[in-house]
Amino acid sequence: MYDVELSSEAQRFYDRCDRAIAKKLARCFKSLECDPRRGNNVKPLRGALSGCYRYRVATCAWSTP
């Protein structure tokens, strides 16, 4: 099991976003806690961000180390 930690900027976004987006994000956080590197919405990043991954949620995307 993994822990999902949000940056202060991401936490502010999560706290202020509308209910529908917050619900999608909560579902994604739950999925990330189980296995952050697997799933249809997870892709490894390249170049300077190699070793990090992105997780796409609707129209938003986040990068994780």
C-alpha atoms as a PDB file:
ATOM      1  CA  MET A   1       0.000   0.000   0.000  1.00  0.00           C
ATOM      2  CA  TYR A   2       1.251   3.496  -0.857  1.00  0.00           C
ATOM      3  CA  ASP A   3       0.496   6.944   0.555  1.00  0.00           C
ATOM      4  CA  VAL A   4      -0.685   9.747  -1.705  1.00  0.00           C
ATOM      5  CA  GLU A   5       0.760  13.121  -0.685  1.00  0.00           C
ATOM      6  CA  LEU A   6      -0.338  16.342  -2.339  1.00  0.00           C
ATOM      7  CA  SER A   7       1.784  19.440  -2.714  1.00  0.00           C
ATOM      8  CA  SER A   8       0.309  22.560  -1.127  1.00  0.00           C
ATOM      9  CA  GLU A   9      -0.694  23.797  -4.589  1.00  0.00           C
ATOM     10  CA  ALA A  10      -2.398  20.485  -5.425  1.00  0.00           C
ATOM     11  CA  GLN A  11      -4.145  20.443  -2.032  1.00  0.00           C
ATOM     12  CA  ARG A  12      -5.472  23.961  -2.650  1.00  0.00           C
ATOM     13  CA  PHE A  13      -6.780  22.873  -6.065  1.00  0.00           C
ATOM     14  CA  TYR A  14      -8.420  19.772  -4.560  1.00  0.00           C
ATOM     15  CA  ASP A  15     -10.037  21.817  -1.785  1.00  0.00           C
ATOM     16  CA  ARG A  16     -11.441  24.377  -4.239  1.00  0.00           C
ATOM     17  CA  CYS A  17     -12.484  22.213  -7.196  1.00  0.00           C
ATOM     18  CA  ASP A  18     -16.105  21.358  -7.840  1.00  0.00           C
ATOM     19  CA  ARG A  19     -17.685  18.247  -6.392  1.00  0.00           C
ATOM     20  CA  ALA A  20     -17.582  16.168  -9.610  1.00  0.00           C
ATOM     21  CA  ILE A  21     -13.819  16.673 -10.075  1.00  0.00           C
ATOM     22  CA  ALA A  22     -13.163  16.071  -6.353  1.00  0.00           C
ATOM     23  CA  LYS A  23     -15.023  12.763  -6.622  1.00  0.00           C
ATOM     24  CA  LYS A  24     -12.933  11.677  -9.632  1.00  0.00           C
ATOM     25  CA  LEU A  25      -9.744  12.702  -7.873  1.00  0.00           C
ATOM     26  CA  ALA A  26     -10.673  10.789  -4.717  1.00  0.00           C
ATOM     27  CA  ARG A  27     -11.244   7.674  -6.834  1.00  0.00           C
ATOM     28  CA  CYS A  28      -7.863   8.157  -8.507  1.00  0.00           C
ATOM     29  CA  PHE A  29      -6.086   8.659  -5.171  1.00  0.00           C
ATOM     30  CA  LYS A  30      -7.556   5.386  -3.967  1.00  0.00           C
ATOM     31  CA  SER A  31      -6.286   3.650  -7.114  1.00  0.00           C
ATOM     32  CA  LEU A  32      -2.836   5.218  -6.702  1.00  0.00           C
ATOM     33  CA  GLU A  33      -2.622   3.969  -3.114  1.00  0.00           C
ATOM     34  CA  CYS A  34      -2.951   0.391  -4.370  1.00  0.00           C
ATOM     35  CA  ASP A  35      -0.495   0.519  -7.291  1.00  0.00           C
ATOM     36  CA  PRO A  36       0.704   3.908  -8.564  1.00  0.00           C
ATOM     37  CA  ARG A  37       2.509   2.573 -11.650  1.00  0.00           C
ATOM     38  CA  ARG A  38      -0.243   0.500 -13.259  1.00  0.00           C
ATOM     39  CA  GLY A  39      -3.420   1.378 -15.051  1.00  0.00           C
ATOM     40  CA  ASN A  40      -4.665   2.784 -18.312  1.00  0.00           C
ATOM     41  CA  ASN A  41      -4.163   6.375 -17.167  1.00  0.00           C
ATOM     42  CA  VAL A  42      -0.558   5.976 -15.972  1.00  0.00           C
ATOM     43  CA  LYS A  43       2.387   6.691 -18.261  1.00  0.00           C
ATOM     44  CA  PRO A  44       6.100   7.038 -17.535  1.00  0.00           C
ATOM     45  CA  LEU A  45       7.524  10.444 -18.391  1.00  0.00           C
ATOM     46  CA  ARG A  46      10.644  10.966 -20.506  1.00  0.00           C
ATOM     47  CA  GLY A  47      13.571  13.336 -20.663  1.00  0.00           C
ATOM     48  CA  ALA A  48      14.242  15.513 -17.610  1.00  0.00           C
ATOM     49  CA  LEU A  49      11.260  13.931 -15.824  1.00  0.00           C
ATOM     50  CA  SER A  50      12.379  10.359 -16.470  1.00  0.00           C
ATOM     51  CA  GLY A  51      11.572   8.206 -13.430  1.00  0.00           C
ATOM     52  CA  CYS A  52       8.332  10.120 -12.826  1.00  0.00           C
ATOM     53  CA  TYR A  53       4.867   9.133 -13.963  1.00  0.00           C
ATOM     54  CA  ARG A  54       1.761  11.005 -15.000  1.00  0.00           C
ATOM     55  CA  TYR A  55      -1.794  10.025 -14.111  1.00  0.00           C
ATOM     56  CA  ARG A  56      -4.518  11.457 -16.309  1.00  0.00           C
ATOM     57  CA  VAL A  57      -7.891  12.327 -14.791  1.00  0.00           C
ATOM     58  CA  ALA A  58     -10.524  13.712 -17.164  1.00  0.00           C
ATOM     59  CA  THR A  59      -8.953  16.963 -18.394  1.00  0.00           C
ATOM     60  CA  CYS A  60      -6.306  17.163 -15.646  1.00  0.00           C
ATOM     61  CA  ALA A  61      -2.937  15.394 -15.375  1.00  0.00           C
ATOM     62  CA  TRP A  62      -0.526  15.092 -12.438  1.00  0.00           C
ATOM     63  CA  SER A  63       3.087  13.992 -12.301  1.00  0.00           C
ATOM     64  CA  THR A  64       4.392  11.750  -9.546  1.00  0.00           C
ATOM     65  CA  PRO A  65       7.920  10.645  -8.719  1.00  0.00           C
END
